[in-house]
Amino acid sequence: MDYKLTRKRVIWFFLGAACFIISQPLTRLPILQQMQQSTDFILVYSLYPLLIGILIALSAGVFEEGARFLFKQFLIKPAASDFSQPLIFGLGHGIAEAFLVLIPALSLVSVPELGLAFFERILTIILHVTLTVVVWNGFQKNRRVLYLLIAILIHGLVDSLIPILSPLPNAIFLLEGALVVVDIIMVGYAWYSRKYYTGRNSNEKIGV
């Protein structure tokens, strides 16, 4: 067993988890909570609920994909990496979010609803993994800003489905179905992206 490689992969996983915690509970959510206490925000939201809902959804892409980019830029070196790196980092990101979402839900929802929540989290983890591949592709192809913007757009559009579809009947099933379709496309893209990666695990370094 290559203990050095195993150690690196463990670090990537926990860096992914830290990326979510920093970008959402420690940064984006407190900012949103502060904004929601503003009278101006409440007024604008009451006038344009769908628009503000979409902008809030897009902010998730900005914060999370921006954080992924910064972690790769400054903490995980070199730019060229093995394909396992974005997969493991994205898994850490997605699982950290799943824990923070599901643990409070355990005592609040019924068993059927909990099953649906677990299914939704699995789909979301897949999305986080594949979005990480998008961000990492920018480093492999030396087009970092372009791929960051693509990841932000995809993430924001997926999250925008929540305010768009929520008013509709059977919204939860529409959302899950849409996420399944997006995941299938993103997994296909991630599989195609393998050709951009080095496969030289021994040359990877963790920068701090």
Protein backbone atom coordinates (compact mmCIF):
# COMPACT_ATOMS: atom_id res chain seq x y z
CA MET A 1 0.00 0.00 0.00
CA ASP A 2 1.24 3.47 -0.89
CA TYR A 3 0.85 5.19 2.50
CA LYS A 4 2.03 8.53 1.14
CA LEU A 5 -0.69 8.52 -1.52
CA THR A 6 -3.31 7.36 1.01
CA ARG A 7 -2.33 10.22 3.31
CA LYS A 8 -2.70 12.71 0.45
CA ARG A 9 -6.14 11.38 -0.39
CA VAL A 10 -7.27 11.70 3.20
CA ILE A 11 -6.04 15.30 3.18
CA TRP A 12 -7.92 16.00 -0.06
CA PHE A 13 -11.12 14.62 1.48
CA PHE A 14 -10.88 16.77 4.59
CA LEU A 15 -9.90 19.83 2.55
CA GLY A 16 -13.10 19.26 0.57
CA ALA A 17 -15.11 19.11 3.80
CA ALA A 18 -13.40 22.27 5.06
CA CYS A 19 -14.17 23.96 1.75
CA PHE A 20 -17.90 23.46 2.27
CA ILE A 21 -17.82 24.52 5.93
CA ILE A 22 -15.91 27.71 5.13
CA SER A 23 -17.90 28.64 2.03
CA GLN A 24 -21.38 28.00 3.47
CA PRO A 25 -21.88 27.86 7.30
CA LEU A 26 -19.01 30.23 8.02
CA THR A 27 -19.39 32.69 5.15
CA ARG A 28 -22.42 32.66 2.86
CA LEU A 29 -25.13 31.74 5.37
CA PRO A 30 -24.16 34.41 7.94
CA ILE A 31 -24.14 37.01 5.16
CA LEU A 32 -27.60 35.92 3.99
CA GLN A 33 -28.92 35.95 7.56
CA GLN A 34 -27.62 39.47 8.02
CA MET A 35 -29.20 40.60 4.75
CA GLN A 36 -32.56 39.07 5.68
CA GLN A 37 -32.69 41.29 8.74
CA SER A 38 -32.59 44.35 6.51
CA THR A 39 -35.86 46.18 5.85
CA ASP A 40 -34.71 46.97 2.30
CA PHE A 41 -34.07 43.30 1.59
CA ILE A 42 -37.49 42.29 2.94
CA LEU A 43 -39.15 44.95 0.77
CA VAL A 44 -37.33 43.93 -2.41
CA TYR A 45 -37.96 40.24 -1.72
CA SER A 46 -41.69 40.90 -1.24
CA LEU A 47 -41.80 42.68 -4.61
CA TYR A 48 -39.58 40.27 -6.59
CA PRO A 49 -39.53 36.92 -4.75
CA LEU A 50 -38.56 34.81 -7.77
CA LEU A 51 -35.75 37.14 -8.87
CA ILE A 52 -34.29 37.36 -5.36
CA GLY A 53 -34.66 33.59 -4.96
CA ILE A 54 -32.67 33.04 -8.15
CA LEU A 55 -29.98 35.52 -7.07
CA ILE A 56 -29.67 33.77 -3.71
CA ALA A 57 -29.34 30.45 -5.56
CA LEU A 58 -26.62 31.90 -7.80
CA SER A 59 -24.75 33.07 -4.71
CA ALA A 60 -24.33 29.43 -3.67
CA GLY A 61 -22.42 28.82 -6.89
CA VAL A 62 -20.26 31.90 -6.36
CA PHE A 63 -19.30 30.98 -2.81
CA GLU A 64 -18.87 27.23 -3.17
CA GLU A 65 -17.18 27.14 -6.58
CA GLY A 66 -15.09 30.16 -5.66
CA ALA A 67 -13.95 28.36 -2.53
CA ARG A 68 -13.13 25.22 -4.52
CA PHE A 69 -11.06 27.34 -6.88
CA LEU A 70 -9.15 29.01 -4.03
CA PHE A 71 -8.45 25.69 -2.31
CA LYS A 72 -7.02 24.27 -5.53
CA GLN A 73 -5.11 27.46 -6.31
CA PHE A 74 -3.41 27.82 -2.94
CA LEU A 75 -3.59 24.56 -0.99
CA ILE A 76 -3.40 21.69 -3.48
CA LYS A 77 -0.37 21.65 -5.75
CA PRO A 78 0.66 21.27 -8.54
CA ALA A 79 -2.02 22.37 -10.99
CA ALA A 80 -1.77 19.13 -13.00
CA SER A 81 -3.17 16.29 -10.93
CA ASP A 82 -4.45 12.75 -10.96
CA PHE A 83 -8.17 12.32 -11.71
CA SER A 84 -8.79 10.93 -8.23
CA GLN A 85 -8.00 14.33 -6.69
CA PRO A 86 -11.16 16.25 -7.71
CA LEU A 87 -13.29 13.16 -7.06
CA ILE A 88 -12.06 12.82 -3.48
CA PHE A 89 -12.15 16.57 -2.80
CA GLY A 90 -15.69 16.81 -4.16
CA LEU A 91 -16.74 13.79 -2.10
CA GLY A 92 -15.48 15.49 1.05
CA HIS A 93 -17.37 18.66 0.13
CA GLY A 94 -20.61 16.82 -0.59
CA ILE A 95 -20.50 14.54 2.45
CA ALA A 96 -19.84 17.48 4.79
CA GLU A 97 -22.94 19.21 3.42
CA ALA A 98 -24.96 15.99 3.72
CA PHE A 99 -24.11 15.62 7.39
CA LEU A 100 -25.07 19.21 8.17
CA VAL A 101 -28.37 18.85 6.29
CA LEU A 102 -29.39 15.34 7.37
CA ILE A 103 -28.48 15.31 11.05
CA PRO A 104 -31.06 17.99 12.01
CA ALA A 105 -33.61 16.27 9.77
CA LEU A 106 -33.37 12.90 11.53
CA SER A 107 -35.73 13.95 14.33
CA LEU A 108 -37.97 16.19 12.22
CA VAL A 109 -39.21 14.13 9.27
CA SER A 110 -40.96 10.82 8.73
CA VAL A 111 -39.21 7.68 7.49
CA PRO A 112 -40.45 8.06 3.86
CA GLU A 113 -39.39 11.72 3.86
CA LEU A 114 -36.02 10.73 5.30
CA GLY A 115 -35.54 8.23 2.49
CA LEU A 116 -36.23 10.96 -0.04
CA ALA A 117 -33.83 13.26 1.78
CA PHE A 118 -31.07 10.61 1.61
CA PHE A 119 -31.72 10.15 -2.10
CA GLU A 120 -31.52 13.91 -2.66
CA ARG A 121 -28.25 14.08 -0.75
CA ILE A 122 -26.74 11.29 -2.87
CA LEU A 123 -27.67 13.23 -6.00
CA THR A 124 -26.19 16.39 -4.50
CA ILE A 125 -22.94 14.64 -3.59
CA ILE A 126 -22.64 13.45 -7.19
CA LEU A 127 -23.16 17.03 -8.34
CA HIS A 128 -20.48 18.32 -5.97
CA VAL A 129 -18.01 15.74 -7.22
CA THR A 130 -18.63 16.57 -10.87
CA LEU A 131 -18.56 20.33 -10.27
CA THR A 132 -15.17 19.87 -8.64
CA VAL A 133 -14.04 18.14 -11.82
CA VAL A 134 -15.18 21.21 -13.80
CA VAL A 135 -13.15 23.56 -11.60
CA TRP A 136 -10.12 21.24 -11.70
CA ASN A 137 -10.38 21.00 -15.51
CA GLY A 138 -9.55 24.68 -15.67
CA PHE A 139 -6.25 23.96 -13.97
CA GLN A 140 -5.49 20.99 -16.21
CA LYS A 141 -6.21 23.03 -19.38
CA ASN A 142 -4.77 26.33 -18.07
CA ARG A 143 -8.14 28.06 -18.48
CA ARG A 144 -8.90 28.52 -14.82
CA VAL A 145 -11.23 31.51 -14.83
CA LEU A 146 -13.33 30.17 -17.70
CA TYR A 147 -13.98 26.83 -15.99
CA LEU A 148 -14.62 28.53 -12.67
CA LEU A 149 -17.32 30.63 -14.33
CA ILE A 150 -18.80 27.53 -15.98
CA ALA A 151 -18.96 25.76 -12.60
CA ILE A 152 -20.59 28.80 -10.97
CA LEU A 153 -23.17 28.98 -13.75
CA ILE A 154 -24.03 25.26 -13.56
CA HIS A 155 -24.26 25.33 -9.76
CA GLY A 156 -26.34 28.49 -9.78
CA LEU A 157 -28.72 27.20 -12.45
CA VAL A 158 -29.30 23.94 -10.57
CA ASP A 159 -30.00 25.79 -7.32
CA SER A 160 -32.25 28.21 -9.20
CA LEU A 161 -34.60 25.31 -9.92
CA ILE A 162 -35.66 25.46 -6.26
CA PRO A 163 -37.39 28.88 -6.39
CA ILE A 164 -38.56 28.25 -9.97
CA LEU A 165 -40.16 24.84 -9.40
CA SER A 166 -41.22 25.14 -5.75
CA PRO A 167 -44.63 26.75 -6.50
CA LEU A 168 -45.59 23.87 -8.83
CA PRO A 169 -47.53 20.75 -7.81
CA ASN A 170 -45.25 17.79 -6.97
CA ALA A 171 -42.32 20.21 -6.88
CA ILE A 172 -40.10 17.85 -4.89
CA PHE A 173 -40.37 15.14 -7.56
CA LEU A 174 -39.74 17.66 -10.31
CA LEU A 175 -36.63 18.88 -8.49
CA GLU A 176 -35.32 15.35 -7.90
CA GLY A 177 -36.01 14.42 -11.52
CA ALA A 178 -34.21 17.49 -12.79
CA LEU A 179 -31.25 16.74 -10.54
CA VAL A 180 -31.09 13.17 -11.83
CA VAL A 181 -30.91 14.48 -15.41
CA VAL A 182 -28.22 17.03 -14.52
CA ASP A 183 -26.20 14.38 -12.67
CA ILE A 184 -26.30 12.01 -15.65
CA ILE A 185 -24.99 14.74 -17.94
CA MET A 186 -22.34 15.83 -15.43
CA VAL A 187 -21.13 12.27 -14.79
CA GLY A 188 -20.77 11.78 -18.54
CA TYR A 189 -18.78 14.99 -18.77
CA ALA A 190 -16.58 14.02 -15.81
CA TRP A 191 -15.86 10.64 -17.39
CA TYR A 192 -14.91 12.36 -20.64
CA SER A 193 -12.63 14.72 -18.67
CA ARG A 194 -10.34 11.93 -17.49
CA LYS A 195 -8.11 12.54 -20.50
CA TYR A 196 -7.08 15.94 -19.08
CA TYR A 197 -5.42 14.38 -16.01
CA THR A 198 -1.87 13.20 -15.53
CA GLY A 199 -2.14 9.93 -13.62
CA ARG A 200 1.22 10.79 -12.01
CA ASN A 201 0.24 10.36 -8.38
CA SER A 202 3.85 10.40 -7.27
CA ASN A 203 4.32 13.97 -8.49
CA GLU A 204 1.41 15.44 -6.54
CA LYS A 205 2.17 17.66 -3.57
CA ILE A 206 0.06 19.23 -0.88
CA GLY A 207 0.81 22.92 -0.48
CA VAL A 208 -0.01 24.89 2.65
